[in-house]
């Protein structure tokens, strides 16, 4: 996996929606089984756009609804892999998630996992992982999105 290009993303950069979609496509070619990405940002920051763009770049052609109520959605990919989109927005504690077996999915080489709202289960999410941070703000009636990506190999 070549992650040298990510050094340009270690500081927040201003991006638009097209940039965010291109970033997802650029990142998709680097991903293999066992990859975990966390996606952190407030409502409206572009998390869903990023996940859908990443899914499309990985070959998913159907609908990709947000799993806010189902907690995760699994999409088969070529080569026996699956893309799993987790949305932990409604999870309030580790205790609440104790019987969901997510750790087995996150550790498996058969899955590429994207985890939105990772805060509550931060301690359980494995390393190495990509950590993507999105911010959204308005400046003089203009929407501004900022993005930062870290590849973290250990705590």
N, C-alpha and C. Protein backbone atom coordinates (compact mmCIF):
# COMPACT_ATOMS: atom_id res chain seq x y z
N UNK A 1 0.85 -1.18 0.00
CA UNK A 1 0.00 0.00 0.00
C UNK A 1 0.90 1.24 0.00
N UNK A 2 0.67 2.11 -0.95
CA UNK A 2 1.43 3.35 -1.05
C UNK A 2 0.63 4.47 -0.38
N UNK A 3 1.12 4.95 0.75
CA UNK A 3 0.40 6.02 1.46
C UNK A 3 1.20 7.32 1.51
N UNK A 4 2.28 7.40 0.74
CA UNK A 4 3.09 8.62 0.73
C UNK A 4 2.27 9.85 0.36
N UNK A 5 1.33 9.70 -0.56
CA UNK A 5 0.52 10.83 -1.00
C UNK A 5 -0.35 11.39 0.12
N UNK A 6 -0.57 10.59 1.17
CA UNK A 6 -1.39 11.07 2.28
C UNK A 6 -0.70 12.15 3.11
N UNK A 7 0.60 12.26 3.00
CA UNK A 7 1.31 13.31 3.76
C UNK A 7 0.75 14.69 3.44
N UNK A 8 0.26 14.87 2.21
CA UNK A 8 -0.35 16.15 1.83
C UNK A 8 -1.66 16.41 2.56
N UNK A 9 -2.22 15.37 3.19
CA UNK A 9 -3.52 15.48 3.84
C UNK A 9 -3.44 15.48 5.36
N UNK A 10 -2.23 15.54 5.93
CA UNK A 10 -2.10 15.49 7.38
C UNK A 10 -2.57 16.76 8.07
N UNK A 11 -2.63 17.86 7.33
CA UNK A 11 -3.20 19.11 7.85
C UNK A 11 -4.54 19.32 7.16
N UNK A 12 -5.46 20.00 7.83
CA UNK A 12 -6.76 20.25 7.21
C UNK A 12 -6.58 21.03 5.91
N UNK A 13 -7.30 20.58 4.90
CA UNK A 13 -7.30 21.24 3.59
C UNK A 13 -8.73 21.57 3.22
N UNK A 14 -8.91 22.72 2.58
CA UNK A 14 -10.24 23.10 2.11
C UNK A 14 -10.55 22.30 0.85
N UNK A 15 -11.76 21.74 0.81
CA UNK A 15 -12.18 20.93 -0.33
C UNK A 15 -13.63 21.23 -0.67
N UNK A 16 -14.01 20.93 -1.89
CA UNK A 16 -15.41 21.01 -2.27
C UNK A 16 -15.93 19.58 -2.46
N UNK A 17 -17.17 19.44 -2.84
CA UNK A 17 -17.76 18.11 -2.96
C UNK A 17 -17.05 17.29 -4.03
N UNK A 18 -16.67 17.91 -5.15
CA UNK A 18 -15.96 17.18 -6.19
C UNK A 18 -14.60 16.69 -5.68
N UNK A 19 -13.91 17.53 -4.91
CA UNK A 19 -12.62 17.12 -4.33
C UNK A 19 -12.81 15.92 -3.40
N UNK A 20 -13.87 15.97 -2.61
CA UNK A 20 -14.15 14.89 -1.66
C UNK A 20 -14.41 13.58 -2.40
N UNK A 21 -15.16 13.65 -3.48
CA UNK A 21 -15.44 12.46 -4.27
C UNK A 21 -14.16 11.93 -4.93
N UNK A 22 -13.31 12.83 -5.41
CA UNK A 22 -12.04 12.41 -6.02
C UNK A 22 -11.13 11.79 -4.97
N UNK A 23 -11.11 12.36 -3.78
CA UNK A 23 -10.31 11.80 -2.70
C UNK A 23 -10.74 10.37 -2.39
N UNK A 24 -12.03 10.13 -2.35
CA UNK A 24 -12.54 8.77 -2.10
C UNK A 24 -12.07 7.82 -3.20
N UNK A 25 -12.10 8.28 -4.45
CA UNK A 25 -11.64 7.44 -5.56
C UNK A 25 -10.14 7.16 -5.45
N UNK A 26 -9.36 8.18 -5.10
CA UNK A 26 -7.91 8.00 -4.95
C UNK A 26 -7.59 7.02 -3.83
N UNK A 27 -8.34 7.11 -2.76
CA UNK A 27 -8.11 6.23 -1.61
C UNK A 27 -8.54 4.80 -1.92
N UNK A 28 -9.61 4.65 -2.69
CA UNK A 28 -10.16 3.31 -2.98
C UNK A 28 -9.12 2.39 -3.62
N UNK A 29 -8.28 2.93 -4.47
CA UNK A 29 -7.29 2.07 -5.15
C UNK A 29 -6.20 1.57 -4.19
N UNK A 30 -6.12 2.16 -3.02
CA UNK A 30 -5.13 1.76 -2.03
C UNK A 30 -5.64 0.71 -1.05
N UNK A 31 -6.93 0.47 -1.06
CA UNK A 31 -7.54 -0.34 -0.02
C UNK A 31 -7.57 -1.82 -0.38
N UNK A 32 -7.32 -2.65 0.61
CA UNK A 32 -7.44 -4.08 0.46
C UNK A 32 -8.19 -4.65 1.64
N UNK A 33 -8.37 -5.96 1.63
CA UNK A 33 -9.06 -6.61 2.73
C UNK A 33 -8.39 -6.34 4.07
N UNK A 34 -9.21 -6.15 5.08
CA UNK A 34 -8.70 -5.86 6.42
C UNK A 34 -8.49 -4.38 6.68
N UNK A 35 -8.76 -3.53 5.70
CA UNK A 35 -8.59 -2.08 5.88
C UNK A 35 -9.75 -1.53 6.69
N UNK A 36 -9.41 -0.65 7.63
CA UNK A 36 -10.41 0.03 8.45
C UNK A 36 -10.22 1.53 8.28
N UNK A 37 -11.32 2.23 8.04
CA UNK A 37 -11.31 3.68 7.96
C UNK A 37 -12.32 4.22 8.98
N UNK A 38 -11.92 5.21 9.74
CA UNK A 38 -12.89 5.90 10.59
C UNK A 38 -13.20 7.23 9.93
N UNK A 39 -14.43 7.65 10.07
CA UNK A 39 -14.90 8.86 9.41
C UNK A 39 -15.60 9.72 10.46
N UNK A 40 -14.98 10.85 10.76
CA UNK A 40 -15.42 11.70 11.85
C UNK A 40 -15.78 13.08 11.31
N UNK A 41 -16.92 13.58 11.71
CA UNK A 41 -17.32 14.92 11.30
C UNK A 41 -18.76 15.17 11.68
N UNK A 42 -19.10 16.43 11.84
CA UNK A 42 -20.46 16.76 12.25
C UNK A 42 -21.43 16.51 11.10
N UNK A 43 -22.72 16.57 11.41
CA UNK A 43 -23.75 16.42 10.40
C UNK A 43 -23.52 17.43 9.28
N UNK A 44 -23.65 16.97 8.05
CA UNK A 44 -23.51 17.86 6.91
C UNK A 44 -22.09 18.09 6.45
N UNK A 45 -21.13 17.40 7.04
CA UNK A 45 -19.73 17.65 6.68
C UNK A 45 -19.28 16.87 5.45
N UNK A 46 -20.08 15.91 4.98
CA UNK A 46 -19.73 15.18 3.77
C UNK A 46 -19.43 13.71 3.97
N UNK A 47 -19.71 13.19 5.16
CA UNK A 47 -19.41 11.78 5.44
C UNK A 47 -20.14 10.84 4.48
N UNK A 48 -21.43 11.05 4.29
CA UNK A 48 -22.21 10.18 3.40
C UNK A 48 -21.73 10.29 1.96
N UNK A 49 -21.41 11.48 1.53
CA UNK A 49 -20.87 11.67 0.18
C UNK A 49 -19.58 10.90 0.02
N UNK A 50 -18.72 10.98 1.01
CA UNK A 50 -17.46 10.26 0.95
C UNK A 50 -17.68 8.75 0.88
N UNK A 51 -18.55 8.23 1.74
CA UNK A 51 -18.79 6.77 1.77
C UNK A 51 -19.37 6.30 0.45
N UNK A 52 -20.34 7.02 -0.09
CA UNK A 52 -20.93 6.61 -1.37
C UNK A 52 -19.89 6.67 -2.50
N UNK A 53 -19.06 7.70 -2.50
CA UNK A 53 -18.03 7.82 -3.52
C UNK A 53 -17.01 6.70 -3.40
N UNK A 54 -16.65 6.35 -2.18
CA UNK A 54 -15.73 5.25 -1.96
C UNK A 54 -16.35 3.94 -2.43
N UNK A 55 -17.61 3.72 -2.10
CA UNK A 55 -18.31 2.53 -2.54
C UNK A 55 -18.37 2.42 -4.05
N UNK A 56 -18.69 3.53 -4.70
CA UNK A 56 -18.74 3.53 -6.17
C UNK A 56 -17.37 3.19 -6.75
N UNK A 57 -16.33 3.77 -6.18
CA UNK A 57 -14.96 3.52 -6.66
C UNK A 57 -14.55 2.06 -6.45
N UNK A 58 -15.15 1.41 -5.46
CA UNK A 58 -14.86 0.00 -5.20
C UNK A 58 -15.73 -0.94 -6.03
N UNK A 59 -16.69 -0.37 -6.79
CA UNK A 59 -17.49 -1.18 -7.69
C UNK A 59 -18.94 -1.40 -7.28
N UNK A 60 -19.40 -0.71 -6.25
CA UNK A 60 -20.80 -0.85 -5.83
C UNK A 60 -21.67 0.03 -6.73
N UNK A 61 -22.68 -0.57 -7.34
CA UNK A 61 -23.50 0.20 -8.29
C UNK A 61 -24.91 0.49 -7.79
N UNK A 62 -25.40 -0.24 -6.83
CA UNK A 62 -26.77 -0.05 -6.35
C UNK A 62 -26.87 1.07 -5.33
N UNK A 63 -28.06 1.18 -4.75
CA UNK A 63 -28.29 2.16 -3.69
C UNK A 63 -27.37 1.88 -2.51
N UNK A 64 -26.96 2.95 -1.84
CA UNK A 64 -26.15 2.84 -0.63
C UNK A 64 -26.78 3.70 0.46
N UNK A 65 -27.87 3.22 1.05
CA UNK A 65 -28.53 4.02 2.09
C UNK A 65 -27.65 4.09 3.34
N UNK A 66 -27.83 5.17 4.07
CA UNK A 66 -27.11 5.31 5.33
C UNK A 66 -27.66 4.30 6.34
N UNK A 67 -26.78 3.57 7.02
CA UNK A 67 -27.25 2.57 7.98
C UNK A 67 -27.50 3.12 9.38
N UNK A 68 -28.06 4.31 9.46
CA UNK A 68 -28.30 4.94 10.76
C UNK A 68 -29.13 4.06 11.68
N UNK A 69 -30.13 3.39 11.15
CA UNK A 69 -31.00 2.57 11.98
C UNK A 69 -30.60 1.10 11.98
N UNK A 70 -29.99 0.63 10.91
CA UNK A 70 -29.57 -0.77 10.84
C UNK A 70 -28.17 -0.97 11.42
N UNK A 71 -27.45 0.12 11.65
CA UNK A 71 -26.11 0.18 12.22
C UNK A 71 -25.00 -0.19 11.24
N UNK A 72 -25.25 -1.12 10.31
CA UNK A 72 -24.27 -1.33 9.26
C UNK A 72 -24.92 -1.96 8.04
N UNK A 73 -24.29 -1.73 6.90
CA UNK A 73 -24.70 -2.32 5.63
C UNK A 73 -23.48 -3.00 5.03
N UNK A 74 -23.69 -4.17 4.46
CA UNK A 74 -22.62 -4.96 3.86
C UNK A 74 -22.86 -5.05 2.35
N UNK A 75 -21.81 -4.79 1.58
CA UNK A 75 -21.89 -4.82 0.12
C UNK A 75 -20.82 -5.74 -0.43
N UNK A 76 -21.20 -6.78 -1.17
CA UNK A 76 -20.20 -7.68 -1.77
C UNK A 76 -19.38 -6.94 -2.83
N UNK A 77 -18.10 -7.26 -2.88
CA UNK A 77 -17.18 -6.70 -3.88
C UNK A 77 -16.57 -7.85 -4.68
N UNK A 78 -15.87 -7.52 -5.72
CA UNK A 78 -15.16 -8.53 -6.50
C UNK A 78 -14.06 -9.16 -5.66
N UNK A 79 -13.68 -10.37 -6.02
CA UNK A 79 -12.57 -11.03 -5.36
C UNK A 79 -12.87 -11.58 -3.98
N UNK A 80 -14.15 -11.73 -3.65
CA UNK A 80 -14.51 -12.30 -2.35
C UNK A 80 -14.47 -11.32 -1.19
N UNK A 81 -14.20 -10.05 -1.46
CA UNK A 81 -14.20 -9.03 -0.41
C UNK A 81 -15.61 -8.46 -0.23
N UNK A 82 -15.80 -7.78 0.88
CA UNK A 82 -17.03 -7.04 1.13
C UNK A 82 -16.68 -5.68 1.71
N UNK A 83 -17.48 -4.70 1.36
CA UNK A 83 -17.38 -3.35 1.90
C UNK A 83 -18.45 -3.23 2.97
N UNK A 84 -18.07 -2.81 4.17
CA UNK A 84 -19.03 -2.68 5.26
C UNK A 84 -19.04 -1.23 5.74
N UNK A 85 -20.22 -0.63 5.70
CA UNK A 85 -20.41 0.75 6.13
C UNK A 85 -21.12 0.74 7.47
N UNK A 86 -20.42 1.17 8.50
CA UNK A 86 -20.97 1.26 9.85
C UNK A 86 -21.36 2.69 10.16
N UNK A 87 -22.49 2.87 10.80
CA UNK A 87 -22.92 4.18 11.27
C UNK A 87 -23.24 4.03 12.75
N UNK A 88 -22.36 4.54 13.59
CA UNK A 88 -22.48 4.36 15.04
C UNK A 88 -23.17 5.54 15.72
N UNK A 89 -23.84 6.38 14.95
CA UNK A 89 -24.47 7.57 15.49
C UNK A 89 -25.41 7.26 16.65
N UNK A 90 -26.13 6.19 16.58
CA UNK A 90 -27.13 5.85 17.60
C UNK A 90 -26.58 5.00 18.74
N UNK A 91 -25.34 4.58 18.65
CA UNK A 91 -24.72 3.78 19.72
C UNK A 91 -24.22 4.74 20.80
N UNK A 92 -24.65 4.51 22.02
CA UNK A 92 -24.30 5.41 23.12
C UNK A 92 -23.19 4.87 24.03
N UNK A 93 -22.92 3.56 23.95
CA UNK A 93 -21.91 2.99 24.85
C UNK A 93 -21.36 1.68 24.28
N UNK A 94 -20.20 1.29 24.77
CA UNK A 94 -19.65 -0.01 24.40
C UNK A 94 -20.59 -1.13 24.84
N UNK A 95 -21.21 -0.96 25.98
CA UNK A 95 -22.14 -1.96 26.50
C UNK A 95 -23.27 -2.21 25.50
N UNK A 96 -23.78 -1.15 24.92
CA UNK A 96 -24.88 -1.26 23.97
C UNK A 96 -24.47 -2.06 22.72
N UNK A 97 -23.19 -2.04 22.39
CA UNK A 97 -22.70 -2.70 21.19
C UNK A 97 -22.08 -4.07 21.45
N UNK A 98 -22.16 -4.55 22.67
CA UNK A 98 -21.41 -5.74 23.10
C UNK A 98 -21.71 -7.01 22.32
N UNK A 99 -22.90 -7.20 21.79
CA UNK A 99 -23.26 -8.45 21.12
C UNK A 99 -23.28 -8.35 19.60
N UNK A 100 -22.68 -7.34 19.06
CA UNK A 100 -22.80 -7.12 17.62
C UNK A 100 -21.65 -7.72 16.80
N UNK A 101 -20.63 -8.26 17.42
CA UNK A 101 -19.53 -8.95 16.74
C UNK A 101 -18.81 -8.09 15.71
N UNK A 102 -18.81 -6.80 15.88
CA UNK A 102 -18.15 -5.92 14.93
C UNK A 102 -16.65 -6.12 14.91
N UNK A 103 -16.07 -6.40 16.06
CA UNK A 103 -14.62 -6.56 16.12
C UNK A 103 -14.14 -7.67 15.20
N UNK A 104 -14.95 -8.72 15.04
CA UNK A 104 -14.58 -9.80 14.12
C UNK A 104 -14.55 -9.30 12.68
N UNK A 105 -15.49 -8.47 12.32
CA UNK A 105 -15.52 -7.91 10.96
C UNK A 105 -14.32 -6.99 10.77
N UNK A 106 -14.07 -6.10 11.74
CA UNK A 106 -12.98 -5.15 11.60
C UNK A 106 -11.62 -5.83 11.48
N UNK A 107 -11.47 -6.98 12.09
CA UNK A 107 -10.19 -7.68 12.08
C UNK A 107 -10.04 -8.64 10.89
N UNK A 108 -11.09 -8.86 10.14
CA UNK A 108 -11.07 -9.86 9.07
C UNK A 108 -10.45 -9.32 7.79
N UNK A 109 -9.62 -10.12 7.12
CA UNK A 109 -9.05 -9.71 5.83
C UNK A 109 -10.06 -9.77 4.68
N UNK A 110 -11.28 -10.18 4.96
CA UNK A 110 -12.31 -10.25 3.92
C UNK A 110 -13.12 -8.96 3.79
N UNK A 111 -12.90 -7.99 4.69
CA UNK A 111 -13.73 -6.80 4.71
C UNK A 111 -12.92 -5.52 4.60
N UNK A 112 -13.50 -4.54 3.94
CA UNK A 112 -13.04 -3.16 3.99
C UNK A 112 -14.13 -2.44 4.77
N UNK A 113 -13.76 -1.85 5.91
CA UNK A 113 -14.75 -1.26 6.82
C UNK A 113 -14.60 0.25 6.90
N UNK A 114 -15.71 0.95 6.78
CA UNK A 114 -15.77 2.39 7.02
C UNK A 114 -16.70 2.61 8.20
N UNK A 115 -16.20 3.33 9.20
CA UNK A 115 -16.94 3.51 10.45
C UNK A 115 -17.22 5.00 10.68
N UNK A 116 -18.49 5.37 10.50
CA UNK A 116 -18.89 6.75 10.81
C UNK A 116 -19.19 6.87 12.30
N UNK A 117 -18.91 8.05 12.86
CA UNK A 117 -19.17 8.33 14.26
C UNK A 117 -18.43 7.32 15.16
N UNK A 118 -17.12 7.23 15.06
CA UNK A 118 -16.36 6.19 15.76
C UNK A 118 -16.14 6.43 17.26
N UNK A 119 -16.50 7.58 17.78
CA UNK A 119 -16.13 7.97 19.15
C UNK A 119 -16.44 6.94 20.23
N UNK A 120 -17.64 6.44 20.24
CA UNK A 120 -18.08 5.58 21.35
C UNK A 120 -17.28 4.27 21.39
N UNK A 121 -16.94 3.74 20.22
CA UNK A 121 -16.22 2.46 20.18
C UNK A 121 -14.75 2.64 19.81
N UNK A 122 -14.26 3.84 19.95
CA UNK A 122 -12.87 4.17 19.59
C UNK A 122 -11.87 3.15 20.13
N UNK A 123 -12.03 2.76 21.34
CA UNK A 123 -11.11 1.84 22.00
C UNK A 123 -11.10 0.45 21.35
N UNK A 124 -12.19 0.09 20.70
CA UNK A 124 -12.33 -1.25 20.11
C UNK A 124 -11.92 -1.30 18.64
N UNK A 125 -11.82 -0.17 18.00
CA UNK A 125 -11.51 -0.13 16.57
C UNK A 125 -10.02 -0.40 16.37
N UNK A 126 -9.69 -1.37 15.53
CA UNK A 126 -8.29 -1.80 15.41
C UNK A 126 -7.40 -0.83 14.64
N UNK A 127 -6.12 -0.98 14.89
CA UNK A 127 -5.06 -0.32 14.13
C UNK A 127 -4.37 -1.41 13.33
N UNK A 128 -3.74 -1.05 12.22
CA UNK A 128 -3.68 0.27 11.61
C UNK A 128 -5.03 0.66 11.00
N UNK A 129 -5.19 1.97 10.80
CA UNK A 129 -6.44 2.46 10.22
C UNK A 129 -6.22 3.84 9.62
N UNK A 130 -7.09 4.16 8.69
CA UNK A 130 -7.15 5.51 8.16
C UNK A 130 -8.15 6.28 9.01
N UNK A 131 -7.78 7.48 9.44
CA UNK A 131 -8.67 8.34 10.22
C UNK A 131 -8.95 9.58 9.40
N UNK A 132 -10.20 9.74 9.00
CA UNK A 132 -10.61 10.84 8.14
C UNK A 132 -11.47 11.79 8.96
N UNK A 133 -11.08 13.06 8.95
CA UNK A 133 -11.78 14.09 9.72
C UNK A 133 -12.35 15.11 8.74
N UNK A 134 -13.65 15.39 8.85
CA UNK A 134 -14.31 16.37 8.00
C UNK A 134 -14.91 17.46 8.87
N UNK A 135 -14.78 18.69 8.42
CA UNK A 135 -15.40 19.83 9.09
C UNK A 135 -16.20 20.60 8.06
N UNK A 136 -17.27 21.19 8.53
CA UNK A 136 -18.15 21.96 7.67
C UNK A 136 -18.45 23.29 8.35
N UNK A 137 -18.37 24.35 7.58
CA UNK A 137 -18.68 25.66 8.11
C UNK A 137 -19.23 26.54 6.99
N UNK A 138 -19.82 27.64 7.37
CA UNK A 138 -20.26 28.63 6.38
C UNK A 138 -19.45 29.89 6.62
N UNK A 139 -18.99 30.47 5.52
CA UNK A 139 -18.23 31.71 5.59
C UNK A 139 -18.79 32.65 4.52
N UNK A 140 -19.40 33.73 4.95
CA UNK A 140 -20.01 34.66 4.02
C UNK A 140 -20.98 33.95 3.07
N UNK A 141 -21.81 33.11 3.63
CA UNK A 141 -22.85 32.38 2.89
C UNK A 141 -22.28 31.33 1.93
N UNK A 142 -21.01 31.02 2.08
CA UNK A 142 -20.40 29.99 1.26
C UNK A 142 -20.12 28.76 2.12
N UNK A 143 -20.47 27.59 1.58
CA UNK A 143 -20.20 26.35 2.29
C UNK A 143 -18.72 26.02 2.15
N UNK A 144 -18.09 25.73 3.28
CA UNK A 144 -16.67 25.37 3.27
C UNK A 144 -16.51 24.04 3.98
N UNK A 145 -15.83 23.12 3.33
CA UNK A 145 -15.52 21.83 3.93
C UNK A 145 -14.02 21.71 4.06
N UNK A 146 -13.61 21.16 5.19
CA UNK A 146 -12.20 20.91 5.44
C UNK A 146 -12.01 19.42 5.66
N UNK A 147 -10.88 18.89 5.22
CA UNK A 147 -10.63 17.46 5.34
C UNK A 147 -9.19 17.23 5.78
N UNK A 148 -9.03 16.21 6.60
CA UNK A 148 -7.71 15.78 7.08
C UNK A 148 -7.73 14.26 7.13
N UNK A 149 -6.63 13.62 6.72
CA UNK A 149 -6.54 12.17 6.75
C UNK A 149 -5.22 11.78 7.41
N UNK A 150 -5.33 10.85 8.34
CA UNK A 150 -4.14 10.28 8.99
C UNK A 150 -4.15 8.78 8.79
N UNK A 151 -2.99 8.22 8.58
CA UNK A 151 -2.85 6.77 8.61
C UNK A 151 -2.14 6.47 9.91
N UNK A 152 -2.84 5.82 10.81
CA UNK A 152 -2.32 5.58 12.15
C UNK A 152 -2.05 4.08 12.31
N UNK A 153 -0.81 3.75 12.60
CA UNK A 153 -0.43 2.34 12.67
C UNK A 153 -0.57 1.75 14.08
N UNK A 154 -0.60 2.59 15.09
CA UNK A 154 -0.74 2.10 16.47
C UNK A 154 -1.27 3.23 17.35
N UNK A 155 -1.77 2.86 18.51
CA UNK A 155 -2.29 3.84 19.46
C UNK A 155 -1.22 4.80 19.89
